[in-house]
Amino acid sequence: MSKNVTYIKRHKKGFIYFHWINAVTFFLLFLTAMPLYTNKFLFLYEAFGAETLQTMHHMLGVIFILNPIVALLITARSGIMTLIREVLHFDKDDVKFLVKFPAELIGKEPEGMPKQGFYNGGERMNILLQALLWLGFVVSGLTLWLGAGHISPAIRTWMIPLHSICAGLGFAAAIGHIYLAIGVNPDSFQGMRDGTVKESYAKHHHAKWVEGLEKEGKLETVERTVK
C-alpha cells in the first residue's frame, strides 16, 4: 500500500558532492597504500606497477586536500559554515547524547535522549575527528612527499607513523560511520542521496534544528508517495 511521506530538506547538492568525493577519495587512498603494509595487496603492484600506484596515491592526495577547501569556498553559506558553527557549539545536551547514545549501537532506544541540533553530539565528534585527521594527513603526507631535501630526515621519519595512525583511525571511523548510517539509522543515509530526510526521523534525531526552522518559517518540506 502506498502512502504519502513528508521529507525535510537538509543538505544542499554541493555539500553532498563534497561528502562523496571525500569518502571515495579516502578509500582509494587507503587502498593504494595497502601494499606498503601487507603482502596480501601486492597484487596491486603487479596490476598497476609500484610507480603508477604511487602516482595515483599522490594525485588522490591532492584531491583529498583540495576538496574541503573548494567546498568551503563554494558551499560556505549552504553547508560548510553550518558544519563549522555546529561543531564549535557543543553544549550539555550533546554530552547527554553521547552518554546515552551507545544503547543505539545495540539496537535499543535510549530513554530521555535530549533534543539535538542540525548535527547530533556523535556527528559533531565525528566531524571534529575527521578535521583533525585531515590536518594530520596533510602535514604528514606533504612532508613525506615534498619534504626531501627541505625538511630534516628526523622529522620526516616521525611523519611515517603519524600518517599511518591517521589512516588507521580514519578507516575505523569510516567503518563506524557506515554502520551507523546504514545499520542503525538508515533514514539518515537518504540525506546524503538527495539532501532530504524523513520528517519523522528529523524530529526524532534533530528536534532542536527542526523547531528552530519552524519558528523562523524556513522549514522546507517535500511530499513523496512511497510503498
Protein backbone atom coordinates (compact mmCIF):
# COMPACT_ATOMS: atom_id res chain seq x y z
CA MET A 1 0.00 0.00 0.00
CA SER A 2 1.29 3.45 -0.95
CA LYS A 3 1.34 6.35 1.47
CA ASN A 4 2.43 9.98 1.48
CA VAL A 5 5.60 10.71 3.46
CA THR A 6 6.89 14.16 4.32
CA TYR A 7 10.61 14.84 3.84
CA ILE A 8 12.58 17.83 5.12
CA LYS A 9 15.31 19.44 3.04
CA ARG A 10 18.58 19.07 4.95
CA HIS A 11 21.67 19.22 2.70
CA LYS A 12 22.46 21.21 -0.43
CA LYS A 13 23.73 19.35 -3.50
CA GLY A 14 27.16 20.98 -3.29
CA PHE A 15 27.65 19.67 0.23
CA ILE A 16 26.56 16.17 -0.83
CA TYR A 17 29.15 16.19 -3.65
CA PHE A 18 31.82 17.27 -1.17
CA HIS A 19 30.88 14.41 1.17
CA TRP A 20 31.04 11.69 -1.50
CA ILE A 21 34.23 12.98 -3.13
CA ASN A 22 35.85 12.96 0.32
CA ALA A 23 34.62 9.43 1.07
CA VAL A 24 35.60 7.87 -2.27
CA THR A 25 38.99 9.60 -2.31
CA PHE A 26 39.79 8.44 1.22
CA PHE A 27 39.06 4.78 0.47
CA LEU A 28 41.07 4.90 -2.76
CA LEU A 29 43.98 6.47 -0.88
CA PHE A 30 43.72 3.74 1.73
CA LEU A 31 43.63 1.05 -0.97
CA THR A 32 46.60 2.38 -2.95
CA ALA A 33 48.70 2.46 0.24
CA MET A 34 47.83 -1.06 1.43
CA PRO A 35 50.70 -2.85 -0.45
CA LEU A 36 53.09 -0.98 1.87
CA TYR A 37 51.52 -2.65 4.90
CA THR A 38 50.58 -6.17 3.84
CA ASN A 39 51.65 -8.64 1.16
CA LYS A 40 48.01 -9.52 0.54
CA PHE A 41 47.72 -6.34 -1.55
CA LEU A 42 50.90 -6.81 -3.57
CA PHE A 43 48.67 -7.79 -6.50
CA LEU A 44 48.02 -4.06 -6.93
CA TYR A 45 51.72 -3.53 -7.64
CA GLU A 46 51.58 -6.37 -10.15
CA ALA A 47 48.46 -4.94 -11.78
CA PHE A 48 49.45 -1.26 -11.94
CA GLY A 49 53.14 -1.12 -11.09
CA ALA A 50 54.57 0.38 -7.89
CA GLU A 51 55.43 3.73 -9.51
CA THR A 52 51.98 4.09 -11.09
CA LEU A 53 50.28 3.26 -7.80
CA GLN A 54 52.39 5.84 -6.00
CA THR A 55 51.48 8.46 -8.60
CA MET A 56 47.80 7.59 -8.16
CA HIS A 57 48.19 7.99 -4.40
CA HIS A 58 49.73 11.43 -4.86
CA MET A 59 47.02 12.56 -7.28
CA LEU A 60 44.28 11.32 -4.96
CA GLY A 61 46.05 13.08 -2.11
CA VAL A 62 45.82 16.40 -3.95
CA ILE A 63 42.07 15.89 -4.43
CA PHE A 64 41.71 14.93 -0.76
CA ILE A 65 43.48 18.13 0.29
CA LEU A 66 41.67 20.48 -2.09
CA ASN A 67 38.16 19.04 -1.74
CA PRO A 68 37.27 20.58 1.67
CA ILE A 69 38.95 23.85 0.70
CA VAL A 70 36.93 24.12 -2.52
CA ALA A 71 33.81 23.06 -0.63
CA LEU A 72 34.41 25.81 1.91
CA LEU A 73 34.54 28.38 -0.89
CA ILE A 74 31.57 27.04 -2.86
CA THR A 75 29.14 25.90 -0.16
CA ALA A 76 30.15 28.23 2.67
CA ARG A 77 26.68 29.67 3.23
CA SER A 78 24.72 26.49 2.50
CA GLY A 79 26.72 23.78 4.20
CA ILE A 80 30.27 24.20 5.42
CA MET A 81 29.64 27.20 7.68
CA THR A 82 26.69 25.36 9.23
CA LEU A 83 29.00 22.42 9.85
CA ILE A 84 31.70 24.60 11.47
CA ARG A 85 29.19 26.53 13.56
CA GLU A 86 27.53 23.36 14.80
CA VAL A 87 30.79 21.62 15.67
CA LEU A 88 32.04 24.58 17.67
CA HIS A 89 28.73 24.81 19.57
CA PHE A 90 29.00 21.77 21.84
CA ASP A 91 26.63 22.02 24.83
CA LYS A 92 25.34 19.92 27.75
CA ASP A 93 22.70 18.27 25.54
CA ASP A 94 25.47 16.92 23.34
CA VAL A 95 27.22 15.47 26.38
CA LYS A 96 23.97 13.78 27.49
CA PHE A 97 23.52 12.44 23.96
CA LEU A 98 26.99 10.88 23.94
CA VAL A 99 26.31 9.22 27.30
CA LYS A 100 23.01 7.70 26.15
CA PHE A 101 23.88 7.01 22.50
CA PRO A 102 25.82 3.72 22.94
CA ALA A 103 22.49 1.95 23.58
CA GLU A 104 21.52 2.66 19.95
CA LEU A 105 24.56 0.72 18.77
CA ILE A 106 22.98 -2.49 20.03
CA GLY A 107 19.50 -1.70 18.74
CA LYS A 108 17.97 -0.19 21.88
CA GLU A 109 16.08 3.12 22.10
CA PRO A 110 17.67 5.25 24.86
CA GLU A 111 15.26 6.95 27.26
CA GLY A 112 15.44 10.68 27.87
CA MET A 113 17.52 11.45 24.80
CA PRO A 114 17.96 15.26 24.66
CA LYS A 115 16.90 17.27 21.61
CA GLN A 116 19.67 17.74 19.07
CA GLY A 117 20.52 20.40 16.52
CA PHE A 118 21.43 20.11 12.84
CA TYR A 119 24.14 17.66 13.90
CA ASN A 120 23.84 15.49 16.99
CA GLY A 121 26.61 15.06 19.53
CA GLY A 122 28.00 11.95 17.86
CA GLU A 123 28.10 13.58 14.44
CA ARG A 124 29.87 16.60 15.88
CA MET A 125 32.54 14.44 17.47
CA ASN A 126 32.99 12.56 14.19
CA ILE A 127 33.29 15.78 12.18
CA LEU A 128 35.88 17.16 14.62
CA LEU A 129 37.83 13.88 14.43
CA GLN A 130 37.74 13.93 10.62
CA ALA A 131 39.00 17.52 10.58
CA LEU A 132 41.93 16.66 12.86
CA LEU A 133 42.75 13.56 10.81
CA TRP A 134 42.60 15.61 7.59
CA LEU A 135 45.13 18.04 9.09
CA GLY A 136 47.34 15.12 10.17
CA PHE A 137 47.14 13.61 6.68
CA VAL A 138 48.02 16.91 5.02
CA VAL A 139 51.00 17.70 7.23
CA SER A 140 52.47 14.19 7.22
CA GLY A 141 51.64 13.43 3.59
CA LEU A 142 53.11 16.61 2.14
CA THR A 143 56.18 16.28 4.37
CA LEU A 144 56.83 12.74 3.13
CA TRP A 145 56.10 13.64 -0.50
CA LEU A 146 57.73 17.04 -0.91
CA GLY A 147 59.92 17.36 2.18
CA ALA A 148 63.02 15.55 0.89
CA GLY A 149 65.94 17.97 0.91
CA HIS A 150 63.93 20.65 2.69
CA ILE A 151 62.96 19.02 5.99
CA SER A 152 65.30 17.08 8.28
CA PRO A 153 65.25 13.27 7.98
CA ALA A 154 64.40 13.01 11.69
CA ILE A 155 61.17 14.97 11.22
CA ARG A 156 60.26 13.05 8.07
CA THR A 157 60.78 9.77 9.94
CA TRP A 158 58.17 10.81 12.52
CA MET A 159 55.73 11.60 9.72
CA ILE A 160 55.54 7.92 8.70
CA PRO A 161 53.86 6.69 11.94
CA LEU A 162 51.72 9.84 12.07
CA HIS A 163 50.42 9.17 8.55
CA SER A 164 49.79 5.52 9.41
CA ILE A 165 47.97 6.33 12.66
CA CYS A 166 45.74 8.83 10.85
CA ALA A 167 44.97 6.20 8.21
CA GLY A 168 44.07 3.58 10.83
CA LEU A 169 41.87 5.93 12.85
CA GLY A 170 40.27 7.30 9.69
CA PHE A 171 39.43 3.83 8.41
CA ALA A 172 37.95 2.77 11.76
CA ALA A 173 35.88 5.96 11.93
CA ALA A 174 34.68 5.45 8.35
CA ILE A 175 33.53 1.89 9.06
CA GLY A 176 31.72 3.08 12.19
CA HIS A 177 30.12 5.90 10.21
CA ILE A 178 28.89 3.48 7.53
CA TYR A 179 27.50 1.11 10.16
CA LEU A 180 25.57 3.91 11.88
CA ALA A 181 24.26 5.34 8.60
CA ILE A 182 23.12 2.03 7.11
CA GLY A 183 22.64 -0.33 10.03
CA VAL A 184 21.43 1.86 12.92
CA ASN A 185 19.82 4.89 11.27
CA PRO A 186 19.20 4.06 7.59
CA ASP A 187 16.90 7.08 7.24
CA SER A 188 19.95 9.31 7.68
CA PHE A 189 21.51 7.85 4.52
CA GLN A 190 18.74 9.48 2.49
CA GLY A 191 20.21 12.84 3.43
CA MET A 192 23.38 12.06 1.53
CA ARG A 193 21.48 10.77 -1.50
CA ASP A 194 19.21 13.68 -2.37
CA GLY A 195 19.58 16.04 0.58
CA THR A 196 16.27 15.23 2.29
CA VAL A 197 15.35 13.18 5.37
CA LYS A 198 12.01 11.91 6.63
CA GLU A 199 10.20 14.43 8.82
CA SER A 200 9.68 11.75 11.47
CA TYR A 201 13.41 10.98 11.52
CA ALA A 202 14.38 14.66 11.65
CA LYS A 203 12.02 15.42 14.55
CA HIS A 204 13.29 12.40 16.46
CA HIS A 205 17.02 12.91 15.93
CA HIS A 206 17.32 16.66 15.24
CA ALA A 207 14.30 18.17 17.00
CA LYS A 208 16.13 21.33 18.09
CA TRP A 209 17.04 22.08 14.47
CA VAL A 210 13.52 21.38 13.15
CA GLU A 211 11.89 23.52 15.85
CA GLY A 212 14.25 26.37 15.03
CA LEU A 213 13.33 26.24 11.34
CA GLU A 214 9.62 26.15 12.19
CA LYS A 215 9.93 29.24 14.40
CA GLU A 216 11.79 31.10 11.63
CA GLY A 217 9.35 29.91 8.96
CA LYS A 218 12.22 28.36 6.98
CA LEU A 219 11.21 24.70 7.10
CA GLU A 220 11.28 23.27 3.55
CA THR A 221 9.33 20.05 3.04
CA VAL A 222 8.70 17.68 0.15
CA GLU A 223 5.79 15.21 -0.12
CA ARG A 224 6.54 11.84 -1.71
CA THR A 225 4.45 8.75 -2.30
CA VAL A 226 6.22 5.61 -1.11
CA LYS A 227 5.22 1.95 -0.97
